[in-house]
Amino acid sequence: MNLYTLVLDFHGGTYITQFEADAPTDAVAAWCKELEDEQLLGEASFPVAEGIMIDAIENHLVEVEGLHGAWCAAASVNGNLALLNVIITQRID
């Protein structure tokens, strides 16, 4: 398993979390489930999670140009951009 850092920029806030997963799309799926279950963004939680899942899974994560191990997905929710960056992360113990 790999460790992934997920950074969401949405509606003026930045939200950072980490998940262990086999692939970056698995980390996104886990993040979306937690977002919906915990309602971390209030009313916007479900539409952000749904929009990100559609972009990341159905349209595929997009590699960030010029970087290795970094991807992004985006969704528009009520006129606000939700931009999720996914970065494979090295553990330092």
N, C-alpha and C. Protein backbone atom coordinates (compact mmCIF):
# COMPACT_ATOMS: atom_id res chain seq x y z
N MET A 1 0.84 -1.19 0.00
CA MET A 1 0.00 0.00 0.00
C MET A 1 0.87 1.24 0.00
N ASN A 2 0.34 2.27 -0.61
CA ASN A 2 1.02 3.56 -0.64
C ASN A 2 0.28 4.55 0.25
N LEU A 3 0.98 5.57 0.66
CA LEU A 3 0.37 6.67 1.40
C LEU A 3 0.14 7.81 0.42
N TYR A 4 -1.08 8.34 0.41
CA TYR A 4 -1.43 9.46 -0.46
C TYR A 4 -1.89 10.64 0.39
N THR A 5 -1.43 11.82 0.02
CA THR A 5 -1.89 13.06 0.64
C THR A 5 -2.88 13.70 -0.32
N LEU A 6 -4.05 14.05 0.20
CA LEU A 6 -5.08 14.68 -0.61
C LEU A 6 -5.31 16.09 -0.11
N VAL A 7 -5.28 17.04 -1.03
CA VAL A 7 -5.42 18.45 -0.70
C VAL A 7 -6.60 19.00 -1.50
N LEU A 8 -7.65 19.40 -0.80
CA LEU A 8 -8.83 19.97 -1.43
C LEU A 8 -8.84 21.48 -1.23
N ASP A 9 -8.99 22.21 -2.32
CA ASP A 9 -9.23 23.66 -2.26
C ASP A 9 -10.69 23.86 -2.65
N PHE A 10 -11.48 24.43 -1.74
CA PHE A 10 -12.91 24.62 -2.01
C PHE A 10 -13.46 25.79 -1.21
N HIS A 11 -14.08 26.69 -1.90
CA HIS A 11 -14.83 27.80 -1.28
C HIS A 11 -14.00 28.55 -0.24
N GLY A 12 -12.74 28.83 -0.59
CA GLY A 12 -11.87 29.61 0.29
C GLY A 12 -11.14 28.82 1.36
N GLY A 13 -11.37 27.52 1.41
CA GLY A 13 -10.70 26.70 2.42
C GLY A 13 -9.80 25.66 1.78
N THR A 14 -8.80 25.22 2.54
CA THR A 14 -7.91 24.16 2.11
C THR A 14 -8.00 23.05 3.14
N TYR A 15 -8.25 21.84 2.67
CA TYR A 15 -8.47 20.68 3.54
C TYR A 15 -7.46 19.60 3.15
N ILE A 16 -6.69 19.12 4.11
CA ILE A 16 -5.62 18.17 3.85
C ILE A 16 -5.84 16.91 4.68
N THR A 17 -5.70 15.76 4.03
CA THR A 17 -5.82 14.48 4.72
C THR A 17 -4.93 13.45 4.03
N GLN A 18 -4.76 12.30 4.66
CA GLN A 18 -3.96 11.23 4.08
C GLN A 18 -4.71 9.91 4.18
N PHE A 19 -4.50 9.06 3.17
CA PHE A 19 -5.08 7.73 3.14
C PHE A 19 -4.05 6.74 2.62
N GLU A 20 -4.09 5.53 3.16
CA GLU A 20 -3.31 4.44 2.59
C GLU A 20 -4.20 3.73 1.59
N ALA A 21 -3.64 3.45 0.41
CA ALA A 21 -4.41 2.80 -0.65
C ALA A 21 -3.47 2.16 -1.65
N ASP A 22 -4.02 1.27 -2.46
CA ASP A 22 -3.22 0.61 -3.49
C ASP A 22 -2.98 1.51 -4.69
N ALA A 23 -3.91 2.42 -4.96
CA ALA A 23 -3.81 3.30 -6.14
C ALA A 23 -4.39 4.66 -5.79
N PRO A 24 -4.01 5.70 -6.52
CA PRO A 24 -4.53 7.03 -6.20
C PRO A 24 -6.06 7.11 -6.29
N THR A 25 -6.66 6.39 -7.23
CA THR A 25 -8.12 6.42 -7.32
C THR A 25 -8.78 5.76 -6.11
N ASP A 26 -8.10 4.77 -5.52
CA ASP A 26 -8.62 4.16 -4.29
C ASP A 26 -8.57 5.16 -3.13
N ALA A 27 -7.52 5.97 -3.08
CA ALA A 27 -7.41 7.01 -2.05
C ALA A 27 -8.53 8.04 -2.23
N VAL A 28 -8.82 8.40 -3.47
CA VAL A 28 -9.89 9.36 -3.74
C VAL A 28 -11.23 8.78 -3.32
N ALA A 29 -11.47 7.51 -3.62
CA ALA A 29 -12.73 6.87 -3.23
C ALA A 29 -12.89 6.85 -1.71
N ALA A 30 -11.81 6.54 -0.99
CA ALA A 30 -11.86 6.54 0.47
C ALA A 30 -12.14 7.94 1.01
N TRP A 31 -11.51 8.94 0.40
CA TRP A 31 -11.70 10.33 0.82
C TRP A 31 -13.15 10.76 0.58
N CYS A 32 -13.69 10.42 -0.58
CA CYS A 32 -15.07 10.79 -0.89
C CYS A 32 -16.05 10.14 0.09
N LYS A 33 -15.81 8.89 0.43
CA LYS A 33 -16.68 8.21 1.40
C LYS A 33 -16.62 8.90 2.75
N GLU A 34 -15.40 9.24 3.21
CA GLU A 34 -15.27 9.94 4.49
C GLU A 34 -15.93 11.32 4.44
N LEU A 35 -15.78 12.01 3.33
CA LEU A 35 -16.39 13.33 3.17
C LEU A 35 -17.90 13.23 3.31
N GLU A 36 -18.50 12.25 2.65
CA GLU A 36 -19.95 12.06 2.74
C GLU A 36 -20.37 11.61 4.14
N ASP A 37 -19.67 10.63 4.70
CA ASP A 37 -20.04 10.08 6.02
C ASP A 37 -19.94 11.12 7.12
N GLU A 38 -18.88 11.91 7.09
CA GLU A 38 -18.62 12.88 8.17
C GLU A 38 -19.20 14.26 7.89
N GLN A 39 -19.69 14.48 6.67
CA GLN A 39 -20.24 15.79 6.27
C GLN A 39 -19.24 16.92 6.58
N LEU A 40 -17.99 16.70 6.16
CA LEU A 40 -16.91 17.63 6.50
C LEU A 40 -17.09 19.03 5.90
N LEU A 41 -17.87 19.13 4.82
CA LEU A 41 -18.11 20.44 4.19
C LEU A 41 -19.56 20.87 4.35
N GLY A 42 -20.25 20.28 5.31
CA GLY A 42 -21.66 20.61 5.51
C GLY A 42 -22.49 20.16 4.31
N GLU A 43 -23.42 21.02 3.87
CA GLU A 43 -24.32 20.70 2.77
C GLU A 43 -23.58 20.39 1.47
N ALA A 44 -22.40 20.94 1.31
CA ALA A 44 -21.65 20.75 0.07
C ALA A 44 -20.94 19.40 0.01
N SER A 45 -20.91 18.66 1.11
CA SER A 45 -20.15 17.41 1.17
C SER A 45 -20.54 16.41 0.09
N PHE A 46 -21.84 16.13 -0.03
CA PHE A 46 -22.27 15.14 -1.01
C PHE A 46 -21.99 15.58 -2.44
N PRO A 47 -22.38 16.81 -2.85
CA PRO A 47 -22.11 17.18 -4.24
C PRO A 47 -20.62 17.28 -4.57
N VAL A 48 -19.79 17.69 -3.61
CA VAL A 48 -18.34 17.72 -3.86
C VAL A 48 -17.82 16.30 -4.04
N ALA A 49 -18.19 15.39 -3.14
CA ALA A 49 -17.74 14.00 -3.23
C ALA A 49 -18.21 13.36 -4.54
N GLU A 50 -19.46 13.58 -4.88
CA GLU A 50 -20.00 13.00 -6.11
C GLU A 50 -19.29 13.56 -7.35
N GLY A 51 -19.09 14.87 -7.39
CA GLY A 51 -18.42 15.49 -8.53
C GLY A 51 -16.98 15.05 -8.68
N ILE A 52 -16.27 14.95 -7.56
CA ILE A 52 -14.87 14.51 -7.60
C ILE A 52 -14.80 13.04 -8.03
N MET A 53 -15.70 12.20 -7.53
CA MET A 53 -15.70 10.79 -7.94
C MET A 53 -15.94 10.65 -9.43
N ILE A 54 -16.88 11.40 -9.96
CA ILE A 54 -17.15 11.34 -11.40
C ILE A 54 -15.91 11.74 -12.18
N ASP A 55 -15.26 12.82 -11.78
CA ASP A 55 -14.08 13.28 -12.51
C ASP A 55 -12.91 12.33 -12.34
N ALA A 56 -12.66 11.88 -11.12
CA ALA A 56 -11.48 11.05 -10.84
C ALA A 56 -11.63 9.63 -11.35
N ILE A 57 -12.81 9.06 -11.22
CA ILE A 57 -12.99 7.66 -11.57
C ILE A 57 -13.46 7.52 -13.03
N GLU A 58 -14.53 8.21 -13.38
CA GLU A 58 -15.07 8.06 -14.73
C GLU A 58 -14.22 8.75 -15.79
N ASN A 59 -13.71 9.93 -15.47
CA ASN A 59 -12.89 10.67 -16.44
C ASN A 59 -11.41 10.47 -16.22
N HIS A 60 -11.03 9.80 -15.16
CA HIS A 60 -9.64 9.48 -14.78
C HIS A 60 -8.94 10.69 -14.15
N LEU A 61 -8.13 10.39 -13.15
CA LEU A 61 -7.30 11.42 -12.55
C LEU A 61 -6.35 11.96 -13.61
N VAL A 62 -6.07 13.23 -13.54
CA VAL A 62 -5.17 13.86 -14.50
C VAL A 62 -3.82 14.05 -13.82
N GLU A 63 -2.74 13.57 -14.47
CA GLU A 63 -1.41 13.80 -13.92
C GLU A 63 -1.09 15.28 -14.01
N VAL A 64 -0.51 15.83 -12.95
CA VAL A 64 -0.11 17.23 -12.95
C VAL A 64 1.13 17.35 -13.84
N GLU A 65 1.03 18.19 -14.84
CA GLU A 65 2.10 18.32 -15.83
C GLU A 65 3.43 18.70 -15.17
N GLY A 66 4.46 17.97 -15.53
CA GLY A 66 5.80 18.26 -15.02
C GLY A 66 6.12 17.62 -13.68
N LEU A 67 5.16 16.92 -13.09
CA LEU A 67 5.38 16.29 -11.79
C LEU A 67 5.19 14.78 -11.90
N HIS A 68 5.82 14.05 -11.01
CA HIS A 68 5.64 12.62 -10.92
C HIS A 68 4.91 12.30 -9.61
N GLY A 69 3.92 11.43 -9.68
CA GLY A 69 3.20 11.04 -8.47
C GLY A 69 2.25 12.09 -7.95
N ALA A 70 1.73 12.93 -8.85
CA ALA A 70 0.77 13.97 -8.45
C ALA A 70 -0.34 14.03 -9.50
N TRP A 71 -1.58 14.00 -9.03
CA TRP A 71 -2.74 13.99 -9.90
C TRP A 71 -3.75 15.02 -9.39
N CYS A 72 -4.73 15.33 -10.23
CA CYS A 72 -5.79 16.22 -9.77
C CYS A 72 -7.13 15.80 -10.36
N ALA A 73 -8.17 16.24 -9.70
CA ALA A 73 -9.55 16.07 -10.15
C ALA A 73 -10.30 17.32 -9.72
N ALA A 74 -11.37 17.64 -10.41
CA ALA A 74 -12.10 18.86 -10.08
C ALA A 74 -13.59 18.65 -10.30
N ALA A 75 -14.35 19.51 -9.63
CA ALA A 75 -15.80 19.52 -9.79
C ALA A 75 -16.29 20.94 -9.53
N SER A 76 -17.40 21.28 -10.16
CA SER A 76 -18.04 22.57 -9.90
C SER A 76 -19.28 22.31 -9.06
N VAL A 77 -19.35 22.98 -7.91
CA VAL A 77 -20.48 22.79 -6.99
C VAL A 77 -21.05 24.16 -6.67
N ASN A 78 -22.27 24.39 -7.11
CA ASN A 78 -22.95 25.68 -6.87
C ASN A 78 -22.09 26.86 -7.32
N GLY A 79 -21.42 26.71 -8.45
CA GLY A 79 -20.60 27.79 -8.99
C GLY A 79 -19.23 27.92 -8.35
N ASN A 80 -18.89 27.02 -7.43
CA ASN A 80 -17.59 27.04 -6.78
C ASN A 80 -16.76 25.85 -7.26
N LEU A 81 -15.48 26.10 -7.55
CA LEU A 81 -14.59 25.04 -7.98
C LEU A 81 -14.09 24.25 -6.78
N ALA A 82 -14.18 22.93 -6.87
CA ALA A 82 -13.58 22.03 -5.88
C ALA A 82 -12.42 21.35 -6.59
N LEU A 83 -11.20 21.67 -6.20
CA LEU A 83 -10.00 21.13 -6.83
C LEU A 83 -9.29 20.22 -5.83
N LEU A 84 -9.17 18.94 -6.19
CA LEU A 84 -8.52 17.96 -5.34
C LEU A 84 -7.19 17.56 -5.96
N ASN A 85 -6.11 17.73 -5.21
CA ASN A 85 -4.79 17.26 -5.62
C ASN A 85 -4.46 16.02 -4.82
N VAL A 86 -3.92 15.01 -5.49
CA VAL A 86 -3.56 13.74 -4.87
C VAL A 86 -2.07 13.54 -5.09
N ILE A 87 -1.33 13.35 -4.00
CA ILE A 87 0.14 13.25 -4.09
C ILE A 87 0.59 11.99 -3.37
N ILE A 88 1.35 11.14 -4.06
CA ILE A 88 1.93 9.99 -3.39
C ILE A 88 2.97 10.52 -2.41
N THR A 89 2.97 9.98 -1.21
CA THR A 89 3.73 10.56 -0.11
C THR A 89 4.71 9.54 0.48
N GLN A 90 5.93 9.96 0.69
CA GLN A 90 6.92 9.08 1.31
C GLN A 90 6.80 9.17 2.82
N ARG A 91 6.82 8.01 3.45
CA ARG A 91 6.79 7.98 4.91
C ARG A 91 8.20 8.24 5.45
N ILE A 92 8.28 9.03 6.48
CA ILE A 92 9.56 9.27 7.17
C ILE A 92 9.37 8.82 8.60
N ASP A 93 10.03 7.75 8.96
CA ASP A 93 9.87 7.20 10.33
C ASP A 93 11.08 7.45 11.17
